[in-house]
Amino acid sequence: MPDSAAGPAPYYACDAGTVIGVDAEGRPAVIGINRPTPYEVTLIGGIWTAQVLALRAAATGARIAVETGRAQAWTSLAQAAGGGQPCMSLHDVGRVPPQGASAGSPVVVVRDCGMRPPRGRVVSGPWQSVVTLLPYLSPVAPRLMKKSALVGVQRVSPDEGAQIGRILNLSPAETQALSTLADGVTLWCTDRDRQFVMTQATDAESGLLGAARRMD
C-alpha cells in the first residue's frame, strides 16, 4: 500500500518503493509494489497513470510484463523503459508466460485488458505483483476491488462514484469527490487508509507520455 513515515500504515516513506505522487500536504506517496508476498492492485482510471506507475516501478529494478490488447499504446514506453535495458515486455491478452520472479528480480504484471479482463494465467505471488487497469467501473470491478490490497480510483461519473463508495466504504465527502477529480489525481484506498494523490510527470515522463489525462 502507499507508505507513510507517520505510523504503522506505510504511506509516505521514501526509503523504499515506487513514488506515485504527492499527497495534499506535498509529501511523497510511495507504493511498496515489490513484496515477498502476493500483492494485487486495481486502478480504475486512465492508461497515463498506469504507465507512470509501470515506468517508475521499472526504475526501482522491477521487470514489467504488460498484458494488453493495445500494444501500440505501450510500444514507445517499453522501448524507453530501463534506459535501454530490456525491462518491459508486451504480451497479448492471455499470453503472459511465467515470469520467474524472485527477490533479486521482482516482477510487476500490468493487465490492460479493457472492461472485462479475463482471469489471468499469471497471478500474483512472491515478488510478483499484479496491477489491473479498468477504464471504468465494470461488472468485474467489485470482485477485483475486494481482492486487491490497494485500489486506485480516478475521476468517474457520480453514479459510478456512488457504487465505488459503497464497495470501498468511503465517506460521503470522498464519494462525492470522485466525480470532480482533476487529471492526474487518484484516490488510493486500502482497508485502513484513503489518500488523494497527485501524480506529476517528470520532464522525461512528459516527453514519453504527454500531459496527465484521465481519458485515453
N, C-alpha and C. Protein backbone atom coordinates (compact mmCIF):
# COMPACT_ATOMS: atom_id res chain seq x y z
N MET A 1 0.84 -1.19 0.00
CA MET A 1 0.00 0.00 0.00
C MET A 1 0.87 1.23 0.00
N PRO A 2 0.38 2.38 -0.39
CA PRO A 2 1.21 3.58 -0.31
C PRO A 2 1.68 3.77 1.12
N ASP A 3 2.88 4.24 1.27
CA ASP A 3 3.53 4.19 2.57
C ASP A 3 3.68 5.54 3.25
N SER A 4 3.58 5.57 4.60
CA SER A 4 3.66 6.81 5.37
C SER A 4 4.71 6.73 6.46
N ALA A 5 5.50 7.77 6.58
CA ALA A 5 6.51 7.80 7.63
C ALA A 5 5.89 8.04 8.99
N ALA A 6 4.60 8.29 9.06
CA ALA A 6 4.00 8.77 10.29
C ALA A 6 3.32 7.69 11.11
N GLY A 7 3.39 6.42 10.76
CA GLY A 7 2.70 5.44 11.57
C GLY A 7 2.84 4.06 10.99
N PRO A 8 2.09 3.10 11.54
CA PRO A 8 2.25 1.72 11.11
C PRO A 8 1.80 1.49 9.68
N ALA A 9 0.88 2.30 9.16
CA ALA A 9 0.48 2.15 7.76
C ALA A 9 1.50 2.90 6.91
N PRO A 10 2.37 2.16 6.16
CA PRO A 10 3.47 2.84 5.47
C PRO A 10 3.00 3.57 4.24
N TYR A 11 2.73 4.84 4.33
CA TYR A 11 2.11 5.57 3.24
C TYR A 11 3.05 6.53 2.51
N TYR A 12 3.95 7.17 3.23
CA TYR A 12 4.74 8.20 2.55
C TYR A 12 6.25 8.02 2.68
N ALA A 13 6.69 6.93 3.27
CA ALA A 13 8.13 6.74 3.43
C ALA A 13 8.79 6.64 2.06
N CYS A 14 9.89 7.35 1.89
CA CYS A 14 10.53 7.42 0.58
C CYS A 14 11.76 6.54 0.48
N ASP A 15 12.05 5.75 1.53
CA ASP A 15 13.27 4.95 1.51
C ASP A 15 13.12 3.69 0.67
N ALA A 16 11.90 3.31 0.33
CA ALA A 16 11.69 2.12 -0.48
C ALA A 16 10.35 2.24 -1.19
N GLY A 17 10.29 1.65 -2.35
CA GLY A 17 9.02 1.64 -3.06
C GLY A 17 9.03 2.58 -4.25
N THR A 18 7.87 2.69 -4.86
CA THR A 18 7.69 3.47 -6.08
C THR A 18 6.92 4.75 -5.75
N VAL A 19 7.54 5.89 -5.96
CA VAL A 19 6.87 7.17 -5.69
C VAL A 19 5.83 7.41 -6.78
N ILE A 20 4.58 7.50 -6.37
CA ILE A 20 3.49 7.65 -7.34
C ILE A 20 2.97 9.07 -7.39
N GLY A 21 3.38 9.93 -6.45
CA GLY A 21 2.92 11.31 -6.46
C GLY A 21 3.09 11.95 -5.11
N VAL A 22 2.29 12.98 -4.85
CA VAL A 22 2.35 13.69 -3.57
C VAL A 22 0.94 13.80 -3.01
N ASP A 23 0.87 13.86 -1.68
CA ASP A 23 -0.43 13.98 -1.03
C ASP A 23 -0.82 15.45 -0.92
N ALA A 24 -1.90 15.72 -0.21
CA ALA A 24 -2.41 17.08 -0.12
C ALA A 24 -1.43 18.02 0.58
N GLU A 25 -0.53 17.46 1.41
CA GLU A 25 0.47 18.28 2.10
C GLU A 25 1.79 18.35 1.33
N GLY A 26 1.81 17.75 0.17
CA GLY A 26 3.03 17.79 -0.65
C GLY A 26 4.05 16.73 -0.29
N ARG A 27 3.67 15.77 0.57
CA ARG A 27 4.60 14.70 0.94
C ARG A 27 4.54 13.59 -0.11
N PRO A 28 5.69 12.96 -0.38
CA PRO A 28 5.70 11.90 -1.40
C PRO A 28 4.85 10.71 -0.97
N ALA A 29 4.07 10.19 -1.88
CA ALA A 29 3.28 8.98 -1.66
C ALA A 29 3.97 7.83 -2.39
N VAL A 30 4.23 6.76 -1.67
CA VAL A 30 5.03 5.66 -2.17
C VAL A 30 4.23 4.37 -2.12
N ILE A 31 4.26 3.62 -3.21
CA ILE A 31 3.65 2.30 -3.24
C ILE A 31 4.76 1.26 -3.16
N GLY A 32 4.73 0.44 -2.12
CA GLY A 32 5.70 -0.65 -1.98
C GLY A 32 5.24 -1.84 -2.80
N ILE A 33 5.55 -1.80 -4.08
CA ILE A 33 4.96 -2.77 -5.01
C ILE A 33 5.78 -4.04 -5.14
N ASN A 34 7.06 -4.01 -4.77
CA ASN A 34 7.91 -5.20 -4.83
C ASN A 34 7.91 -5.85 -3.45
N ARG A 35 7.19 -6.95 -3.31
CA ARG A 35 6.95 -7.55 -1.99
C ARG A 35 7.19 -9.06 -2.02
N PRO A 36 7.56 -9.63 -0.87
CA PRO A 36 7.75 -11.08 -0.80
C PRO A 36 6.45 -11.86 -0.74
N THR A 37 5.33 -11.17 -0.66
CA THR A 37 4.02 -11.81 -0.61
C THR A 37 3.17 -11.33 -1.79
N PRO A 38 2.16 -12.11 -2.20
CA PRO A 38 1.31 -11.68 -3.32
C PRO A 38 0.68 -10.32 -3.05
N TYR A 39 0.62 -9.49 -4.08
CA TYR A 39 0.10 -8.13 -3.93
C TYR A 39 -0.68 -7.77 -5.19
N GLU A 40 -1.95 -7.40 -5.01
CA GLU A 40 -2.79 -7.05 -6.15
C GLU A 40 -3.27 -5.61 -6.02
N VAL A 41 -3.23 -4.91 -7.14
CA VAL A 41 -3.66 -3.52 -7.22
C VAL A 41 -4.70 -3.41 -8.34
N THR A 42 -5.79 -2.71 -8.07
CA THR A 42 -6.75 -2.38 -9.12
C THR A 42 -6.79 -0.87 -9.27
N LEU A 43 -6.64 -0.39 -10.50
CA LEU A 43 -6.72 1.03 -10.80
C LEU A 43 -7.88 1.26 -11.75
N ILE A 44 -8.90 1.99 -11.29
CA ILE A 44 -9.99 2.42 -12.16
C ILE A 44 -9.61 3.82 -12.63
N GLY A 45 -9.09 3.89 -13.83
CA GLY A 45 -8.57 5.17 -14.28
C GLY A 45 -8.02 5.09 -15.69
N GLY A 46 -7.08 5.98 -15.99
CA GLY A 46 -6.55 6.10 -17.33
C GLY A 46 -5.21 5.41 -17.49
N ILE A 47 -4.87 5.12 -18.75
CA ILE A 47 -3.62 4.45 -19.05
C ILE A 47 -2.41 5.30 -18.66
N TRP A 48 -2.58 6.63 -18.68
CA TRP A 48 -1.45 7.51 -18.34
C TRP A 48 -0.91 7.19 -16.96
N THR A 49 -1.77 7.10 -15.97
CA THR A 49 -1.32 6.82 -14.60
C THR A 49 -0.72 5.43 -14.50
N ALA A 50 -1.34 4.45 -15.18
CA ALA A 50 -0.79 3.10 -15.16
C ALA A 50 0.61 3.06 -15.78
N GLN A 51 0.81 3.85 -16.81
CA GLN A 51 2.12 3.86 -17.46
C GLN A 51 3.17 4.56 -16.60
N VAL A 52 2.78 5.62 -15.91
CA VAL A 52 3.72 6.27 -14.99
C VAL A 52 4.13 5.28 -13.89
N LEU A 53 3.15 4.57 -13.34
CA LEU A 53 3.45 3.59 -12.31
C LEU A 53 4.38 2.50 -12.84
N ALA A 54 4.12 2.01 -14.05
CA ALA A 54 4.98 0.98 -14.64
C ALA A 54 6.40 1.50 -14.86
N LEU A 55 6.51 2.71 -15.37
CA LEU A 55 7.83 3.29 -15.64
C LEU A 55 8.62 3.47 -14.35
N ARG A 56 7.94 3.93 -13.30
CA ARG A 56 8.64 4.16 -12.03
C ARG A 56 8.95 2.85 -11.32
N ALA A 57 8.09 1.85 -11.47
CA ALA A 57 8.40 0.54 -10.91
C ALA A 57 9.63 -0.06 -11.59
N ALA A 58 9.73 0.14 -12.90
CA ALA A 58 10.91 -0.34 -13.62
C ALA A 58 12.18 0.34 -13.11
N ALA A 59 12.05 1.61 -12.74
CA ALA A 59 13.22 2.35 -12.23
C ALA A 59 13.70 1.82 -10.89
N THR A 60 12.82 1.11 -10.15
CA THR A 60 13.23 0.52 -8.87
C THR A 60 13.87 -0.86 -9.07
N GLY A 61 13.94 -1.34 -10.31
CA GLY A 61 14.56 -2.63 -10.58
C GLY A 61 13.60 -3.74 -10.93
N ALA A 62 12.30 -3.45 -10.97
CA ALA A 62 11.33 -4.48 -11.31
C ALA A 62 11.29 -4.70 -12.82
N ARG A 63 11.02 -5.93 -13.22
CA ARG A 63 10.69 -6.22 -14.61
C ARG A 63 9.19 -6.05 -14.77
N ILE A 64 8.78 -5.45 -15.87
CA ILE A 64 7.38 -5.15 -16.11
C ILE A 64 6.89 -6.01 -17.28
N ALA A 65 5.82 -6.77 -17.04
CA ALA A 65 5.17 -7.54 -18.10
C ALA A 65 3.78 -6.94 -18.31
N VAL A 66 3.55 -6.42 -19.50
CA VAL A 66 2.29 -5.75 -19.80
C VAL A 66 1.43 -6.68 -20.65
N GLU A 67 0.25 -7.01 -20.12
CA GLU A 67 -0.73 -7.81 -20.86
C GLU A 67 -1.76 -6.85 -21.43
N THR A 68 -1.81 -6.75 -22.76
CA THR A 68 -2.63 -5.69 -23.33
C THR A 68 -3.14 -6.06 -24.72
N GLY A 69 -4.31 -5.55 -25.03
CA GLY A 69 -4.86 -5.68 -26.38
C GLY A 69 -4.57 -4.46 -27.23
N ARG A 70 -3.82 -3.51 -26.70
CA ARG A 70 -3.46 -2.30 -27.45
C ARG A 70 -1.95 -2.06 -27.31
N ALA A 71 -1.19 -2.97 -27.85
CA ALA A 71 0.26 -2.90 -27.72
C ALA A 71 0.83 -1.60 -28.25
N GLN A 72 0.16 -1.00 -29.27
CA GLN A 72 0.68 0.23 -29.84
C GLN A 72 0.73 1.35 -28.81
N ALA A 73 -0.12 1.29 -27.78
CA ALA A 73 -0.13 2.33 -26.75
C ALA A 73 1.02 2.18 -25.77
N TRP A 74 1.68 1.02 -25.78
CA TRP A 74 2.76 0.73 -24.84
C TRP A 74 4.13 0.62 -25.50
N THR A 75 4.17 0.56 -26.83
CA THR A 75 5.42 0.23 -27.51
C THR A 75 6.54 1.23 -27.23
N SER A 76 6.25 2.52 -27.37
CA SER A 76 7.31 3.51 -27.16
C SER A 76 7.78 3.51 -25.71
N LEU A 77 6.87 3.28 -24.79
CA LEU A 77 7.25 3.22 -23.38
C LEU A 77 8.15 2.01 -23.12
N ALA A 78 7.79 0.86 -23.68
CA ALA A 78 8.59 -0.34 -23.48
C ALA A 78 10.00 -0.16 -24.04
N GLN A 79 10.10 0.56 -25.16
CA GLN A 79 11.42 0.78 -25.76
C GLN A 79 12.26 1.73 -24.93
N ALA A 80 11.61 2.67 -24.23
CA ALA A 80 12.35 3.68 -23.46
C ALA A 80 12.64 3.26 -22.04
N ALA A 81 11.82 2.36 -21.48
CA ALA A 81 11.98 1.98 -20.06
C ALA A 81 13.33 1.30 -19.84
N GLY A 82 13.91 1.56 -18.68
CA GLY A 82 15.15 0.90 -18.31
C GLY A 82 16.38 1.49 -18.93
N GLY A 83 16.26 2.66 -19.56
CA GLY A 83 17.43 3.31 -20.13
C GLY A 83 18.13 2.46 -21.17
N GLY A 84 17.34 1.74 -21.95
CA GLY A 84 17.93 0.91 -22.98
C GLY A 84 18.07 -0.55 -22.59
N GLN A 85 17.95 -0.86 -21.31
CA GLN A 85 17.98 -2.25 -20.87
C GLN A 85 16.58 -2.85 -21.01
N PRO A 86 16.46 -4.06 -21.53
CA PRO A 86 15.13 -4.64 -21.73
C PRO A 86 14.49 -5.02 -20.39
N CYS A 87 13.56 -4.20 -19.93
CA CYS A 87 12.93 -4.48 -18.64
C CYS A 87 11.41 -4.47 -18.73
N MET A 88 10.85 -4.15 -19.90
CA MET A 88 9.40 -4.13 -20.07
C MET A 88 9.03 -4.92 -21.31
N SER A 89 8.23 -5.95 -21.11
CA SER A 89 7.81 -6.79 -22.23
C SER A 89 6.31 -6.67 -22.43
N LEU A 90 5.87 -6.79 -23.68
CA LEU A 90 4.46 -6.68 -24.04
C LEU A 90 3.94 -8.04 -24.49
N HIS A 91 2.72 -8.36 -24.06
CA HIS A 91 2.13 -9.66 -24.36
C HIS A 91 0.66 -9.50 -24.71
N ASP A 92 0.18 -10.32 -25.62
CA ASP A 92 -1.25 -10.33 -25.93
C ASP A 92 -2.05 -10.81 -24.73
N VAL A 93 -3.32 -10.47 -24.70
CA VAL A 93 -4.19 -10.88 -23.60
C VAL A 93 -4.23 -12.40 -23.50
N GLY A 94 -3.97 -12.89 -22.30
CA GLY A 94 -3.97 -14.33 -22.06
C GLY A 94 -2.70 -15.04 -22.45
N ARG A 95 -1.67 -14.29 -22.85
CA ARG A 95 -0.43 -14.91 -23.36
C ARG A 95 0.80 -14.52 -22.56
N VAL A 96 0.64 -14.14 -21.31
CA VAL A 96 1.80 -13.80 -20.49
C VAL A 96 2.46 -15.08 -20.00
N PRO A 97 3.71 -15.32 -20.33
CA PRO A 97 4.37 -16.55 -19.87
C PRO A 97 4.82 -16.41 -18.41
N PRO A 98 5.17 -17.52 -17.75
CA PRO A 98 5.72 -17.43 -16.40
C PRO A 98 6.92 -16.49 -16.38
N GLN A 99 6.99 -15.68 -15.34
CA GLN A 99 8.00 -14.61 -15.31
C GLN A 99 9.21 -14.93 -14.46
N GLY A 100 9.15 -15.96 -13.63
CA GLY A 100 10.31 -16.32 -12.82
C GLY A 100 10.71 -15.24 -11.84
N ALA A 101 9.72 -14.65 -11.16
CA ALA A 101 10.01 -13.58 -10.21
C ALA A 101 10.80 -14.10 -9.02
N SER A 102 11.66 -13.25 -8.48
CA SER A 102 12.45 -13.59 -7.29
C SER A 102 12.81 -12.31 -6.56
N ALA A 103 13.38 -12.44 -5.39
CA ALA A 103 13.78 -11.26 -4.62
C ALA A 103 14.77 -10.40 -5.40
N GLY A 104 15.63 -11.04 -6.17
CA GLY A 104 16.61 -10.29 -6.94
C GLY A 104 16.09 -9.81 -8.27
N SER A 105 14.90 -10.30 -8.66
CA SER A 105 14.32 -9.91 -9.94
C SER A 105 12.80 -9.86 -9.81
N PRO A 106 12.30 -8.85 -9.07
CA PRO A 106 10.85 -8.75 -8.88
C PRO A 106 10.14 -8.39 -10.18
N VAL A 107 8.86 -8.73 -10.24
CA VAL A 107 8.07 -8.54 -11.46
C VAL A 107 6.78 -7.81 -11.11
N VAL A 108 6.37 -6.90 -11.98
CA VAL A 108 5.05 -6.29 -11.91
C VAL A 108 4.34 -6.61 -13.22
N VAL A 109 3.21 -7.31 -13.12
CA VAL A 109 2.38 -7.61 -14.28
C VAL A 109 1.29 -6.54 -14.36
N VAL A 110 1.26 -5.81 -15.45
CA VAL A 110 0.23 -4.79 -15.67
C VAL A 110 -0.79 -5.36 -16.65
N ARG A 111 -2.03 -5.47 -16.20
CA ARG A 111 -3.11 -6.03 -17.03
C ARG A 111 -3.95 -4.88 -17.58
N ASP A 112 -3.74 -4.56 -18.84
CA ASP A 112 -4.50 -3.52 -19.54
C ASP A 112 -5.38 -4.24 -20.55
N CYS A 113 -6.47 -4.83 -20.05
CA CYS A 113 -7.27 -5.76 -20.86
C CYS A 113 -8.71 -5.30 -21.04
N GLY A 114 -8.96 -3.99 -20.87
CA GLY A 114 -10.29 -3.48 -21.12
C GLY A 114 -11.24 -3.64 -19.95
N MET A 115 -12.54 -3.53 -20.26
CA MET A 115 -13.57 -3.51 -19.22
C MET A 115 -13.76 -4.86 -18.54
N ARG A 116 -13.52 -5.94 -19.28
CA ARG A 116 -13.76 -7.28 -18.73
C ARG A 116 -12.50 -8.13 -18.88
N PRO A 117 -11.46 -7.85 -18.13
CA PRO A 117 -10.25 -8.65 -18.27
C PRO A 117 -10.52 -10.10 -17.90
N PRO A 118 -10.06 -11.04 -18.72
CA PRO A 118 -10.24 -12.45 -18.36
C PRO A 118 -9.38 -12.78 -17.15
N ARG A 119 -9.72 -13.86 -16.49
CA ARG A 119 -8.89 -14.28 -15.36
C ARG A 119 -7.49 -14.57 -15.88
N GLY A 120 -6.49 -14.01 -15.21
CA GLY A 120 -5.13 -14.08 -15.72
C GLY A 120 -4.49 -15.45 -15.51
N ARG A 121 -3.71 -15.86 -16.49
CA ARG A 121 -2.92 -17.08 -16.33
C ARG A 121 -1.79 -16.85 -15.35
N VAL A 122 -1.23 -15.65 -15.37
CA VAL A 122 -0.15 -15.30 -14.46
C VAL A 122 -0.75 -14.48 -13.31
N VAL A 123 -0.64 -14.99 -12.11
CA VAL A 123 -1.27 -14.36 -10.95
C VAL A 123 -0.20 -13.82 -10.01
N SER A 124 -0.66 -13.06 -9.01
CA SER A 124 0.29 -12.51 -8.05
C SER A 124 0.89 -13.63 -7.21
N GLY A 125 2.12 -13.41 -6.78
CA GLY A 125 2.84 -14.38 -5.96
C GLY A 125 4.00 -13.69 -5.30
N PRO A 126 4.87 -14.44 -4.63
CA PRO A 126 6.05 -13.82 -4.02
C PRO A 126 6.85 -13.04 -5.06
N TRP A 127 7.09 -11.77 -4.79
CA TRP A 127 7.87 -10.87 -5.65
C TRP A 127 7.22 -10.66 -7.02
N GLN A 128 5.95 -10.98 -7.14
CA GLN A 128 5.24 -10.71 -8.39
C GLN A 128 3.89 -10.07 -8.09
N SER A 129 3.81 -8.76 -8.32
CA SER A 129 2.57 -8.02 -8.10
C SER A 129 1.80 -7.92 -9.41
N VAL A 130 0.49 -7.77 -9.29
CA VAL A 130 -0.37 -7.62 -10.47
C VAL A 130 -1.16 -6.33 -10.33
N VAL A 131 -1.08 -5.48 -11.35
CA VAL A 131 -1.84 -4.24 -11.41
C VAL A 131 -2.86 -4.37 -12.54
N THR A 132 -4.14 -4.30 -12.21
CA THR A 132 -5.19 -4.40 -13.22
C THR A 132 -5.79 -3.02 -13.47
N LEU A 133 -5.74 -2.58 -14.73
CA LEU A 133 -6.28 -1.28 -15.12
C LEU A 133 -7.67 -1.47 -15.69
N LEU A 134 -8.65 -0.77 -15.12
CA LEU A 134 -10.01 -0.75 -15.65
C LEU A 134 -10.33 0.69 -16.06
N PRO A 135 -10.79 0.93 -17.29
CA PRO A 135 -11.08 2.31 -17.69
C PRO A 135 -12.28 2.90 -16.95
N TYR A 136 -13.22 2.05 -16.57
CA TYR A 136 -14.42 2.49 -15.85
C TYR A 136 -14.83 1.40 -14.90
N LEU A 137 -15.85 1.67 -14.10
CA LEU A 137 -16.42 0.66 -13.23
C LEU A 137 -17.15 -0.36 -14.10
N SER A 138 -16.67 -1.58 -14.14
CA SER A 138 -17.24 -2.62 -14.99
C SER A 138 -17.84 -3.72 -14.11
N PRO A 139 -18.54 -4.67 -14.72
CA PRO A 139 -19.13 -5.74 -13.92
C PRO A 139 -18.11 -6.55 -13.11
N VAL A 140 -16.86 -6.60 -13.57
CA VAL A 140 -15.86 -7.37 -12.83
C VAL A 140 -15.16 -6.52 -11.76
N ALA A 141 -15.40 -5.22 -11.76
CA ALA A 141 -14.69 -4.33 -10.84
C ALA A 141 -14.92 -4.67 -9.37
N PRO A 142 -16.16 -4.92 -8.91
CA PRO A 142 -16.33 -5.22 -7.49
C PRO A 142 -15.50 -6.41 -7.03
N ARG A 143 -15.46 -7.47 -7.83
CA ARG A 143 -14.65 -8.64 -7.45
C ARG A 143 -13.17 -8.27 -7.37
N LEU A 144 -12.69 -7.54 -8.36
CA LEU A 144 -11.28 -7.17 -8.36
C LEU A 144 -10.93 -6.25 -7.18
N MET A 145 -11.81 -5.29 -6.90
CA MET A 145 -11.53 -4.37 -5.80
C MET A 145 -11.49 -5.09 -4.47
N LYS A 146 -12.39 -6.04 -4.28
CA LYS A 146 -12.47 -6.73 -2.99
C LYS A 146 -11.25 -7.61 -2.74
N LYS A 147 -10.63 -8.11 -3.81
CA LYS A 147 -9.48 -8.99 -3.60
C LYS A 147 -8.15 -8.24 -3.67
N SER A 148 -8.20 -6.94 -3.97
CA SER A 148 -6.98 -6.16 -4.08
C SER A 148 -6.56 -5.56 -2.75
N ALA A 149 -5.27 -5.53 -2.51
CA ALA A 149 -4.74 -4.88 -1.31
C ALA A 149 -4.77 -3.37 -1.45
N LEU A 150 -4.73 -2.88 -2.69
CA LEU A 150 -4.71 -1.45 -2.96
C LEU A 150 -5.61 -1.16 -4.15
N VAL A 151 -6.48 -0.16 -4.01
CA VAL A 151 -7.38 0.24 -5.08
C VAL A 151 -7.19 1.73 -5.36
N GLY A 152 -6.98 2.07 -6.61
CA GLY A 152 -6.90 3.46 -7.01
C GLY A 152 -8.11 3.83 -7.85
N VAL A 153 -8.68 4.99 -7.58
CA VAL A 153 -9.85 5.44 -8.33
C VAL A 153 -9.60 6.86 -8.83
N GLN A 154 -9.72 7.04 -10.13
CA GLN A 154 -9.63 8.37 -10.72
C GLN A 154 -11.04 8.86 -11.03
N ARG A 155 -11.16 9.96 -11.76
CA ARG A 155 -12.46 10.58 -11.96
C ARG A 155 -13.44 9.61 -12.63
N VAL A 156 -14.62 9.49 -12.03
CA VAL A 156 -15.68 8.64 -12.55
C VAL A 156 -16.98 9.44 -12.51
N SER A 157 -18.03 8.89 -13.09
CA SER A 157 -19.33 9.57 -13.06
C SER A 157 -19.90 9.53 -11.65
N PRO A 158 -20.84 10.42 -11.33
CA PRO A 158 -21.45 10.37 -9.99
C PRO A 158 -22.07 9.02 -9.67
N ASP A 159 -22.71 8.37 -10.63
CA ASP A 159 -23.30 7.05 -10.37
C ASP A 159 -22.22 6.02 -10.07
N GLU A 160 -21.14 6.04 -10.86
CA GLU A 160 -20.03 5.12 -10.59
C GLU A 160 -19.41 5.42 -9.23
N GLY A 161 -19.26 6.71 -8.92
CA GLY A 161 -18.70 7.09 -7.63
C GLY A 161 -19.52 6.57 -6.47
N ALA A 162 -20.85 6.63 -6.60
CA ALA A 162 -21.72 6.13 -5.54
C ALA A 162 -21.53 4.63 -5.33
N GLN A 163 -21.42 3.89 -6.43
CA GLN A 163 -21.20 2.45 -6.32
C GLN A 163 -19.84 2.14 -5.70
N ILE A 164 -18.82 2.85 -6.15
CA ILE A 164 -17.48 2.63 -5.61
C ILE A 164 -17.44 2.99 -4.13
N GLY A 165 -18.12 4.08 -3.76
CA GLY A 165 -18.15 4.48 -2.36
C GLY A 165 -18.74 3.40 -1.47
N ARG A 166 -19.77 2.72 -1.96
CA ARG A 166 -20.37 1.63 -1.18
C ARG A 166 -19.42 0.44 -1.08
N ILE A 167 -18.77 0.11 -2.17
CA ILE A 167 -17.87 -1.05 -2.17
C ILE A 167 -16.68 -0.82 -1.25
N LEU A 168 -16.13 0.39 -1.26
CA LEU A 168 -14.92 0.70 -0.50
C LEU A 168 -15.21 1.35 0.85
N ASN A 169 -16.49 1.51 1.18
CA ASN A 169 -16.86 2.14 2.45
C ASN A 169 -16.25 3.54 2.59
N LEU A 170 -16.38 4.34 1.53
CA LEU A 170 -15.85 5.69 1.54
C LEU A 170 -16.79 6.61 2.32
N SER A 171 -16.25 7.73 2.78
CA SER A 171 -17.08 8.74 3.41
C SER A 171 -17.89 9.46 2.34
N PRO A 172 -18.97 10.14 2.72
CA PRO A 172 -19.74 10.91 1.73
C PRO A 172 -18.88 11.92 0.98
N ALA A 173 -17.96 12.58 1.69
CA ALA A 173 -17.11 13.58 1.03
C ALA A 173 -16.18 12.93 0.02
N GLU A 174 -15.60 11.77 0.37
CA GLU A 174 -14.72 11.07 -0.56
C GLU A 174 -15.50 10.58 -1.78
N THR A 175 -16.69 10.07 -1.53
CA THR A 175 -17.52 9.58 -2.63
C THR A 175 -17.88 10.71 -3.60
N GLN A 176 -18.30 11.85 -3.07
CA GLN A 176 -18.66 12.97 -3.92
C GLN A 176 -17.47 13.51 -4.69
N ALA A 177 -16.28 13.43 -4.10
CA ALA A 177 -15.09 13.97 -4.76
C ALA A 177 -14.72 13.18 -6.01
N LEU A 178 -15.11 11.91 -6.08
CA LEU A 178 -14.67 11.06 -7.18
C LEU A 178 -15.11 11.57 -8.54
N SER A 179 -16.21 12.28 -8.61
CA SER A 179 -16.69 12.77 -9.91
C SER A 179 -16.09 14.12 -10.29
N THR A 180 -15.25 14.68 -9.43
CA THR A 180 -14.68 16.00 -9.70
C THR A 180 -13.16 16.01 -9.69
N LEU A 181 -12.53 14.84 -9.61
CA LEU A 181 -11.07 14.78 -9.51
C LEU A 181 -10.41 15.33 -10.77
N ALA A 182 -9.34 16.06 -10.58
CA ALA A 182 -8.56 16.59 -11.70
C ALA A 182 -7.78 15.46 -12.37
N ASP A 183 -7.38 15.68 -13.62
CA ASP A 183 -6.50 14.73 -14.29
C ASP A 183 -5.23 14.55 -13.45
N GLY A 184 -4.80 13.30 -13.30
CA GLY A 184 -3.59 13.03 -12.53
C GLY A 184 -3.83 12.80 -11.06
N VAL A 185 -5.06 12.99 -10.57
CA VAL A 185 -5.37 12.75 -9.16
C VAL A 185 -6.04 11.40 -9.00
N THR A 186 -5.58 10.65 -8.01
CA THR A 186 -6.12 9.32 -7.73
C THR A 186 -6.42 9.21 -6.24
N LEU A 187 -7.56 8.63 -5.90
CA LEU A 187 -7.82 8.26 -4.52
C LEU A 187 -7.34 6.83 -4.35
N TRP A 188 -6.28 6.65 -3.55
CA TRP A 188 -5.73 5.32 -3.27
C TRP A 188 -6.31 4.82 -1.96
N CYS A 189 -6.80 3.59 -1.96
CA CYS A 189 -7.52 3.05 -0.81
C CYS A 189 -6.96 1.68 -0.41
N THR A 190 -6.79 1.50 0.89
CA THR A 190 -6.53 0.19 1.46
C THR A 190 -7.62 -0.07 2.49
N ASP A 191 -7.54 -1.20 3.15
CA ASP A 191 -8.52 -1.49 4.20
C ASP A 191 -8.49 -0.45 5.31
N ARG A 192 -7.32 0.16 5.51
CA ARG A 192 -7.15 1.04 6.67
C ARG A 192 -7.02 2.51 6.33
N ASP A 193 -6.81 2.84 5.09
CA ASP A 193 -6.42 4.21 4.78
C ASP A 193 -6.97 4.62 3.42
N ARG A 194 -7.17 5.94 3.26
CA ARG A 194 -7.54 6.54 1.98
C ARG A 194 -6.69 7.79 1.81
N GLN A 195 -6.21 8.02 0.61
CA GLN A 195 -5.38 9.19 0.39
C GLN A 195 -5.50 9.68 -1.05
N PHE A 196 -5.81 10.96 -1.21
CA PHE A 196 -5.79 11.58 -2.53
C PHE A 196 -4.35 11.91 -2.89
N VAL A 197 -3.93 11.49 -4.08
CA VAL A 197 -2.55 11.66 -4.51
C VAL A 197 -2.53 12.30 -5.90
N MET A 198 -1.70 13.32 -6.04
CA MET A 198 -1.50 13.95 -7.34
C MET A 198 -0.22 13.40 -7.97
N THR A 199 -0.33 12.83 -9.15
CA THR A 199 0.83 12.34 -9.88
C THR A 199 1.27 13.42 -10.87
N GLN A 200 2.52 13.83 -10.73
CA GLN A 200 3.09 14.85 -11.60
C GLN A 200 4.24 14.23 -12.38
N ALA A 201 4.19 14.31 -13.68
CA ALA A 201 5.21 13.70 -14.52
C ALA A 201 6.51 14.49 -14.46
N THR A 202 7.62 13.76 -14.53
CA THR A 202 8.91 14.41 -14.74
C THR A 202 8.99 14.88 -16.19
N ASP A 203 10.00 15.65 -16.50
CA ASP A 203 10.16 16.10 -17.89
C ASP A 203 10.30 14.91 -18.83
N ALA A 204 11.09 13.90 -18.41
CA ALA A 204 11.29 12.73 -19.27
C ALA A 204 9.97 11.98 -19.46
N GLU A 205 9.19 11.85 -18.39
CA GLU A 205 7.89 11.17 -18.50
C GLU A 205 6.93 11.93 -19.39
N SER A 206 6.93 13.24 -19.26
CA SER A 206 6.05 14.05 -20.12
C SER A 206 6.42 13.89 -21.59
N GLY A 207 7.73 13.81 -21.85
CA GLY A 207 8.17 13.61 -23.23
C GLY A 207 7.69 12.30 -23.81
N LEU A 208 7.60 11.26 -22.97
CA LEU A 208 7.14 9.96 -23.41
C LEU A 208 5.63 9.85 -23.45
N LEU A 209 4.98 10.38 -22.42
CA LEU A 209 3.56 10.09 -22.18
C LEU A 209 2.65 11.27 -22.40
N GLY A 210 3.20 12.47 -22.51
CA GLY A 210 2.36 13.65 -22.62
C GLY A 210 1.84 14.09 -21.26
N ALA A 211 0.90 15.01 -21.25
CA ALA A 211 0.35 15.55 -20.02
C ALA A 211 -0.57 14.53 -19.36
N ALA A 212 -0.75 14.69 -18.05
CA ALA A 212 -1.67 13.82 -17.32
C ALA A 212 -3.06 13.91 -17.93
N ARG A 213 -3.70 12.73 -18.04
CA ARG A 213 -5.05 12.71 -18.60
C ARG A 213 -5.81 11.53 -18.02
N ARG A 214 -7.08 11.72 -17.86
CA ARG A 214 -7.95 10.64 -17.38
C ARG A 214 -8.46 9.79 -18.53
N MET A 215 -8.81 10.43 -19.63
CA MET A 215 -9.37 9.71 -20.77
C MET A 215 -8.25 9.29 -21.72
N ASP A 216 -8.41 8.13 -22.32
CA ASP A 216 -7.41 7.63 -23.27
C ASP A 216 -7.84 7.92 -24.71
